[in-house]
Protein backbone atom coordinates (compact mmCIF):
# COMPACT_ATOMS: atom_id res chain seq x y z
CA MET A 1 195.09 100.81 164.02
CA LEU A 2 198.84 101.47 161.90
CA THR A 3 202.48 99.45 163.14
CA ALA A 4 205.09 99.36 162.22
CA SER A 5 204.84 95.71 160.74
CA ILE A 6 201.71 97.53 158.52
CA ALA A 7 204.16 100.44 158.12
CA LEU A 8 207.89 98.75 157.08
CA LEU A 9 204.90 96.63 154.25
CA GLY A 10 203.80 99.79 152.72
CA ALA A 11 207.30 101.53 152.49
CA PHE A 12 208.31 97.32 150.56
CA ALA A 13 205.71 97.75 148.51
CA GLY A 14 206.30 101.07 147.66
CA LEU A 15 210.12 101.28 147.18
CA THR A 16 210.36 97.98 144.92
CA ILE A 17 210.57 100.55 141.81
CA PHE A 18 213.66 101.03 142.47
CA LEU A 19 214.92 97.60 141.04
CA GLY A 20 213.82 98.66 137.84
CA LEU A 21 216.12 102.21 137.69
CA PRO A 22 219.85 100.89 137.00
CA LEU A 23 218.58 100.42 133.86
CA ALA A 24 218.66 103.92 133.27
CA ARG A 25 221.98 103.96 133.37
CA LEU A 26 222.58 100.77 131.04
CA GLN A 27 224.72 102.26 126.94
CA VAL A 28 221.66 100.67 125.15
CA ALA A 29 221.49 100.51 121.01
CA PRO A 30 219.06 103.01 119.60
CA ARG A 31 217.75 99.72 118.66
CA ILE A 32 217.52 98.59 122.39
CA LYS A 33 216.52 101.88 123.90
CA GLY A 34 213.24 102.59 120.61
CA ALA A 35 212.58 99.11 122.44
CA LEU A 36 212.96 99.50 126.03
CA ASN A 37 211.12 102.57 125.73
CA ALA A 38 208.21 101.03 123.48
CA PHE A 39 208.57 98.21 126.84
CA ALA A 40 207.71 102.01 129.96
CA VAL A 41 204.17 102.76 127.09
CA GLY A 42 203.01 100.01 127.87
CA ILE A 43 203.01 98.78 131.01
CA LEU A 44 201.55 103.19 131.23
CA LEU A 45 199.23 102.18 128.89
CA PHE A 46 197.86 98.57 131.53
CA LEU A 47 198.07 102.00 134.62
CA LEU A 48 196.33 103.43 132.76
CA VAL A 49 193.45 101.17 132.58
CA GLU A 50 194.37 100.21 135.83
CA VAL A 51 193.49 103.38 136.52
CA VAL A 52 190.49 104.94 135.07
CA GLU A 53 189.20 101.00 135.50
CA HIS A 54 188.82 102.29 139.29
CA GLY A 55 188.75 105.21 139.70
CA TRP A 56 184.73 105.39 137.25
CA GLY A 57 183.61 102.70 139.74
CA PRO A 58 182.54 104.58 142.35
CA VAL A 59 180.77 107.36 139.82
CA GLU A 60 178.88 104.51 138.95
CA ASP A 61 178.82 102.48 142.15
CA SER A 62 176.86 106.41 143.10
CA VAL A 63 175.08 107.19 140.00
CA ALA A 64 172.85 103.76 139.92
CA ALA A 65 171.99 104.37 144.15
CA ALA A 66 171.02 107.61 142.79
CA VAL A 67 168.73 106.34 139.85
CA ALA A 68 167.90 103.54 142.53
CA GLY A 69 166.72 105.83 144.82
CA GLY A 70 169.77 107.11 146.37
CA SER A 71 171.62 110.84 146.99
CA TRP A 72 171.70 113.08 142.83
CA GLY A 73 173.90 114.75 145.24
CA SER A 74 177.07 112.44 145.84
CA ALA A 75 176.46 111.30 142.34
CA ALA A 76 178.16 114.70 141.51
CA LEU A 77 181.14 114.78 144.20
CA PHE A 78 181.94 111.83 142.80
CA ALA A 79 181.38 112.16 139.48
CA GLY A 80 182.60 116.39 139.88
CA VAL A 81 186.05 114.60 141.65
CA PHE A 82 186.96 112.59 138.86
CA VAL A 83 186.04 114.83 136.25
CA ALA A 84 188.48 117.34 138.26
CA GLY A 85 190.71 115.28 139.37
CA LEU A 86 191.59 114.08 135.14
CA LEU A 87 191.81 117.53 134.29
CA LEU A 88 194.02 119.03 136.66
CA GLY A 89 196.16 115.60 136.38
CA LEU A 90 196.36 116.54 132.31
CA LEU A 91 195.98 119.64 131.59
CA SER A 92 199.03 120.97 135.06
CA LEU A 93 201.70 118.49 132.57
CA VAL A 94 200.84 120.48 129.73
CA TRP A 95 201.12 123.83 131.33
CA PHE A 96 204.64 121.70 133.05
CA GLU A 97 205.48 120.88 129.29
CA GLY A 98 204.80 124.80 127.92
CA ARG A 99 207.20 125.96 130.73
CA TYR A 100 210.01 123.76 130.74
CA LEU A 101 209.85 122.21 128.38
CA ARG A 102 209.48 123.88 124.95
CA GLY A 103 212.82 125.81 125.08
CA ALA A 104 214.27 122.32 125.13
CA ARG A 105 211.77 120.81 121.92
CA ASP A 106 212.53 124.55 120.10
CA GLU A 107 216.33 123.37 119.52
CA PRO A 108 217.05 124.67 116.94
CA GLU A 109 217.87 120.73 114.08
CA PRO A 110 220.17 120.72 111.35
CA ALA A 111 218.27 121.40 108.33
CA ALA A 112 216.94 117.35 107.19
CA GLY A 113 219.66 116.86 103.75
CA SER A 114 221.98 119.88 104.59
CA LEU A 115 225.12 119.91 104.07
CA PRO A 116 227.91 121.06 106.42
CA PRO A 117 229.05 123.81 106.62
CA THR A 118 232.22 124.29 105.06
CA PRO A 119 235.58 125.89 106.47
CA ALA A 120 236.69 128.49 104.73
CA GLY A 121 240.50 128.00 103.70
CA PRO A 122 242.60 127.54 101.31
CA GLY A 123 241.30 125.19 98.63
CA VAL A 124 237.92 126.50 99.64
CA ALA A 125 237.00 128.73 95.90
CA ASP A 126 239.13 126.45 93.97
CA ALA A 127 236.49 123.50 95.71
CA THR A 128 233.03 124.92 95.64
CA PRO A 129 233.07 125.34 91.61
CA ARG A 130 234.43 121.67 91.25
CA ALA A 131 230.84 120.39 93.87
CA SER A 132 228.20 123.65 92.05
CA THR A 133 229.81 122.00 88.40
CA ASP A 134 228.85 118.33 89.83
CA VAL A 135 225.65 119.09 90.58
CA ALA A 136 224.23 120.54 87.24
CA ALA A 137 226.10 117.44 85.30
CA GLY A 138 222.90 115.88 84.49
CA PRO A 139 219.23 115.18 85.84
CA GLY A 140 218.14 113.44 88.38
CA THR A 141 221.56 115.23 90.47
CA SER A 142 217.92 116.63 93.04
CA GLN A 143 216.65 113.55 93.49
CA LEU A 144 220.35 112.35 94.38
CA LEU A 145 220.76 113.96 96.85
CA GLU A 146 217.42 114.29 98.27
CA SER A 147 218.89 110.49 98.11
CA ARG A 148 220.70 111.39 100.92
CA PRO A 149 219.99 109.87 104.75
CA ARG A 150 218.06 112.18 106.34
CA SER A 151 219.23 111.00 109.59
CA ALA A 152 222.47 111.79 108.77
CA GLY A 153 221.35 114.86 108.89
CA ARG A 154 219.83 115.06 111.76
CA THR A 155 221.34 112.72 114.25
CA PRO A 156 222.70 115.50 116.46
CA GLY A 157 220.49 117.25 116.41
CA VAL A 158 217.69 114.76 117.56
CA GLN A 159 219.95 113.50 120.59
CA GLN A 160 220.68 117.18 122.00
CA VAL A 161 216.84 117.43 122.11
CA THR A 162 215.80 114.23 124.02
CA ALA A 163 219.17 114.27 125.80
CA GLN A 164 217.72 117.84 126.95
CA MET A 165 214.60 116.28 127.29
CA ALA A 166 214.34 112.26 129.46
CA PRO A 167 214.84 114.28 132.99
CA ARG A 168 211.75 115.80 132.27
CA LEU A 169 210.33 113.29 131.01
CA ALA A 170 211.31 110.50 133.31
CA MET A 171 210.53 112.50 136.48
CA MET A 172 206.19 113.39 134.16
CA ILE A 173 206.35 109.50 134.44
CA ALA A 174 207.55 109.27 138.36
CA VAL A 175 204.68 111.27 138.73
CA GLY A 176 201.94 110.28 137.67
CA ILE A 177 202.88 106.60 139.03
CA GLY A 178 203.70 108.74 142.57
CA LEU A 179 199.60 109.64 142.26
CA HIS A 180 198.67 106.19 141.83
CA ASN A 181 200.79 104.49 144.05
CA PHE A 182 199.23 106.54 146.70
CA SER A 183 196.57 105.42 145.75
CA GLU A 184 197.74 101.59 146.89
CA GLY A 185 199.62 102.92 149.17
CA LEU A 186 195.42 103.86 150.45
CA ALA A 187 193.47 100.24 150.07
CA ILE A 188 196.70 98.51 151.66
CA GLY A 189 196.40 101.54 154.84
CA ALA A 190 191.92 100.15 154.68
CA SER A 191 192.91 96.44 154.24
CA ALA A 192 194.81 96.52 157.36
CA ALA A 193 193.11 98.74 159.36
CA SER A 194 189.77 96.64 159.44
CA GLY A 195 191.41 93.74 160.73
CA ALA A 196 192.28 91.56 157.15
CA LEU A 197 195.70 91.94 157.84
CA SER A 198 196.24 88.64 155.55
CA PHE A 199 194.25 91.30 152.26
CA ALA A 200 196.43 93.13 153.26
CA LEU A 201 200.21 91.65 153.01
CA VAL A 202 198.31 89.95 149.48
CA LEU A 203 197.98 93.42 148.66
CA GLY A 204 201.33 94.82 149.40
CA ILE A 205 202.91 91.99 148.02
CA GLY A 206 200.67 92.10 144.86
CA PHE A 207 202.23 95.43 144.62
CA ALA A 208 205.26 95.49 145.17
CA LEU A 209 205.51 93.18 142.27
CA HIS A 210 203.50 96.03 140.30
CA ASN A 211 206.43 99.03 141.15
CA ALA A 212 209.14 96.56 140.46
CA THR A 213 207.85 96.48 136.39
CA GLU A 214 207.26 100.57 136.61
CA GLY A 215 210.49 100.97 137.38
CA PHE A 216 211.05 100.24 133.54
CA GLY A 217 208.58 103.30 132.73
CA VAL A 218 210.61 105.64 135.16
CA ALA A 219 214.52 104.56 133.52
CA ALA A 220 213.23 103.90 130.50
CA PRO A 221 213.13 107.21 129.13
CA LEU A 222 216.77 107.94 130.31
CA THR A 223 218.56 104.80 128.59
CA GLY A 224 222.06 105.57 127.93
CA THR A 225 222.62 109.35 129.18
CA LYS A 226 223.97 108.38 131.44
CA PRO A 227 222.24 109.76 135.36
CA SER A 228 222.67 110.10 138.39
CA TRP A 229 222.16 108.09 140.49
CA ARG A 230 221.19 111.03 143.01
CA PHE A 231 218.42 112.04 140.61
CA LEU A 232 217.60 108.23 140.84
CA GLY A 233 216.79 108.02 144.65
CA THR A 234 214.90 111.30 143.55
CA ALA A 235 212.77 110.26 140.78
CA GLY A 236 212.20 106.82 142.46
CA LEU A 237 211.30 108.20 146.20
CA VAL A 238 208.74 110.33 143.55
CA ALA A 239 207.77 106.88 142.21
CA GLY A 240 207.35 104.34 145.18
CA GLY A 241 207.47 106.54 147.80
CA PRO A 242 203.32 107.81 147.37
CA THR A 243 202.91 104.12 148.41
CA PHE A 244 204.46 103.84 151.86
CA VAL A 245 202.64 107.23 152.85
CA GLY A 246 198.97 106.10 151.36
CA THR A 247 199.88 103.34 152.97
CA LEU A 248 200.01 106.19 156.63
CA ILE A 249 197.09 107.27 155.86
CA GLY A 250 195.02 105.51 154.98
CA ALA A 251 195.23 103.15 158.24
CA GLN A 252 194.53 105.63 159.83
CA PHE A 253 190.67 106.66 157.89
CA THR A 254 189.57 105.82 155.13
CA SER A 255 188.44 107.70 151.91
CA GLU A 256 186.26 107.52 148.55
CA VAL A 257 186.36 110.16 147.75
CA LEU A 258 189.75 110.72 148.09
CA ASN A 259 190.51 108.54 146.87
CA VAL A 260 188.64 108.41 143.02
CA LEU A 261 190.63 112.46 143.43
CA PHE A 262 193.74 110.58 142.95
CA LEU A 263 193.31 107.31 141.07
CA SER A 264 191.77 110.95 138.38
CA LEU A 265 194.49 112.75 139.21
CA ALA A 266 197.61 109.21 137.63
CA ALA A 267 194.76 108.88 134.47
CA GLY A 268 194.83 112.27 133.51
CA SER A 269 198.72 112.24 133.92
CA LEU A 270 199.41 108.95 133.30
CA PHE A 271 197.21 109.50 129.34
CA TYR A 272 200.11 112.81 128.92
CA VAL A 273 202.86 110.90 129.27
CA ILE A 274 202.47 108.00 127.02
CA LYS A 275 201.62 110.65 124.69
CA GLU A 276 205.23 112.34 126.07
CA LEU A 277 206.67 108.59 125.24
CA LEU A 278 205.08 107.64 121.62
CA GLN A 279 206.94 111.03 120.88
CA HIS A 280 210.00 109.85 121.95
CA GLY A 281 210.06 107.36 120.48
CA ARG A 282 209.14 109.01 117.50
CA ARG A 283 212.79 110.37 118.01
CA LEU A 284 214.53 107.52 118.20
CA GLY A 285 213.00 106.04 115.31
CA GLU A 286 211.32 103.49 116.08
CA GLY A 287 208.33 104.13 113.11
CA ARG A 288 211.45 102.15 110.96
CA ASP A 289 210.71 99.28 113.39
CA ALA A 290 207.24 98.73 114.28
CA LEU A 291 207.06 95.71 114.32
CA PRO A 292 209.59 94.80 117.27
CA MET A 293 207.70 98.49 118.68
CA MET A 294 204.40 96.85 118.77
CA ALA A 295 206.14 93.42 119.80
CA ALA A 296 207.83 95.39 122.73
CA VAL A 297 204.50 97.38 123.81
CA ALA A 298 202.91 94.09 124.07
CA GLY A 299 205.29 92.75 125.54
CA GLY A 300 204.74 95.74 128.27
CA LEU A 301 201.45 95.42 128.79
CA LEU A 302 201.95 91.57 129.27
CA LEU A 303 203.18 92.44 131.81
CA GLY A 304 201.47 94.68 133.51
CA LEU A 305 198.15 92.41 133.32
CA ALA A 306 200.44 89.04 134.36
CA THR A 307 201.38 91.36 137.68
CA ASP A 308 197.70 92.73 138.20
CA LEU A 309 197.04 88.31 138.23
CA VAL A 310 199.19 88.06 141.45
CA VAL A 311 196.67 90.79 143.07
CA SER A 312 194.09 89.51 142.19
CA LEU A 313 194.49 85.82 143.29
CA GLY A 314 194.07 87.53 146.80
CA GLY A 315 190.57 89.43 146.31
CA ALA A 316 191.37 92.16 145.72
């Protein structure tokens, strides 16, 4: 039976995601931005492993029951729901990328090593022959030109593309997290409906800690772009609001099939956004500092494991 206290618990568990969102408005150095992006990858890697584990568990149990003499129809249902949810969560975002993001990615960038166009005006004719003479001055000149920093020619284009894509990427991350949080809300509501109120409280606190860290995952690609508070509020509701909705539904009835569906949807979505964050990191130049970036990934993964431990200590 749903009570006001259980509804508030579900809201609290989901809306702690807002704690990490203000990070998106910080103006940080590119190196710090890359580290935050890598940290978000670590958090989402943890979530991906977690949702696959919990979503695939009922499939394994139903197949084991069928082998022991149970219903193969039930096993086929669980397996089909998991596969369908996984494909839908992944391919729907692939479609979204092709429909809405390709234009931003196809923005022309300055060619690597290219020189900026020389403005027309007095003295241009004189400068051009002199530049030509310098280029032809001796062997190895092409190597010297190739040694020009590529980033000097690419930076404006890269910054433009990442600025255009950052809000869309952040919103896709919010959608993936929201699907995962809906299943967490179902668990809170179902525990309360069964009379295990203390267990529901432990789950709510644990999931609240989870969501506080997941806010960094949404904010990471936005750092340096100065998103509006309205956008951050919308992203927070998309990512954290489903915990509250799931709590309301879970308190009325329980459905393991529905839980598997939303977990598999979350798994497909998270798989896609992790790939997007890795590409985003390459645009930020993470490859030049591989060791600090991998340390940041490990930090996000370990933080996710630490918050999961809080839930596990409660018997979840």
